[in-house]
Amino acid sequence: MQLDLREIINIPGGEVKFDYSPDLSGLETGSVKEIMSGARAAGSVRNIAGVLYLEGELTVDTLCVCARCLKE
């Protein structure tokens, strides 16, 4: 995901919102056995007095395996 911040880079008070659902098929990690539902990243980038602040939330439901006992 890429955000175009050119419209707020020089405008204090400017804001760019985003809402993105990444494709996580094929994601492989040691403890994630299955991705139960789609992931979603949502938030905003704000220009506050010339400093860009990113605020967001990533949510996803997964089925994981315990690294210690190997149970779901």
Protein backbone atom coordinates (compact mmCIF):
# COMPACT_ATOMS: atom_id res chain seq x y z
CA MET A 1 0.00 0.00 0.00
CA GLN A 2 1.27 3.45 -0.87
CA LEU A 3 -0.20 6.74 0.27
CA ASP A 4 0.11 9.94 -1.77
CA LEU A 5 1.01 12.56 0.83
CA ARG A 6 1.87 15.35 -1.62
CA GLU A 7 -1.47 17.05 -1.01
CA ILE A 8 -0.80 17.49 2.74
CA ILE A 9 3.00 17.67 2.98
CA ASN A 10 3.01 21.50 3.05
CA ILE A 11 -0.47 22.07 4.48
CA PRO A 12 -0.70 22.06 8.30
CA GLY A 13 -4.04 20.57 9.28
CA GLY A 14 -4.20 18.41 6.15
CA GLU A 15 -5.24 14.77 6.43
CA VAL A 16 -5.19 11.67 4.22
CA LYS A 17 -7.38 8.75 5.31
CA PHE A 18 -6.85 5.16 4.24
CA ASP A 19 -8.81 1.92 4.36
CA TYR A 20 -7.05 -1.05 2.84
CA SER A 21 -7.64 -4.82 2.74
CA PRO A 22 -4.35 -6.53 1.92
CA ASP A 23 -4.20 -9.97 0.31
CA LEU A 24 -2.57 -12.23 2.86
CA SER A 25 -2.94 -15.49 0.94
CA GLY A 26 0.37 -17.28 0.89
CA LEU A 27 1.55 -15.57 4.07
CA GLU A 28 3.73 -18.02 5.94
CA THR A 29 4.99 -17.55 9.48
CA GLY A 30 6.00 -20.00 12.15
CA SER A 31 2.91 -19.76 14.34
CA VAL A 32 0.09 -18.74 11.95
CA LYS A 33 -1.71 -21.87 10.74
CA GLU A 34 -4.63 -20.19 8.97
CA ILE A 35 -5.99 -16.70 8.33
CA MET A 36 -9.65 -16.89 9.30
CA SER A 37 -10.87 -13.63 7.76
CA GLY A 38 -9.56 -10.81 5.66
CA ALA A 39 -7.19 -8.30 7.14
CA ARG A 40 -8.03 -4.61 7.22
CA ALA A 41 -5.80 -1.60 7.77
CA ALA A 42 -7.52 1.73 8.39
CA GLY A 43 -6.42 5.09 9.69
CA SER A 44 -5.05 8.46 8.65
CA VAL A 45 -1.94 10.56 8.19
CA ARG A 46 -2.22 14.12 9.53
CA ASN A 47 0.05 17.13 9.14
CA ILE A 48 0.26 18.81 12.55
CA ALA A 49 2.52 21.88 12.49
CA GLY A 50 4.64 20.41 9.70
CA VAL A 51 5.05 16.96 11.28
CA LEU A 52 3.26 13.98 9.72
CA TYR A 53 1.51 11.69 12.19
CA LEU A 54 0.35 8.20 11.19
CA GLU A 55 -2.47 6.66 13.19
CA GLY A 56 -4.02 3.36 12.23
CA GLU A 57 -5.36 -0.01 13.18
CA LEU A 58 -4.72 -3.42 11.65
CA THR A 59 -7.20 -6.21 12.32
CA VAL A 60 -7.12 -9.86 11.26
CA ASP A 61 -8.43 -13.13 12.70
CA THR A 62 -5.93 -15.97 12.64
CA LEU A 63 -5.62 -19.53 13.86
CA CYS A 64 -2.22 -19.90 15.52
CA VAL A 65 -0.19 -22.76 16.92
CA CYS A 66 1.53 -22.46 20.29
CA ALA A 67 5.30 -22.49 19.82
CA ARG A 68 5.69 -24.28 23.13
CA CYS A 69 3.11 -27.10 23.04
CA LEU A 70 2.21 -27.05 19.28
CA LYS A 71 -1.54 -26.98 20.04
CA GLU A 72 -3.94 -24.59 18.29
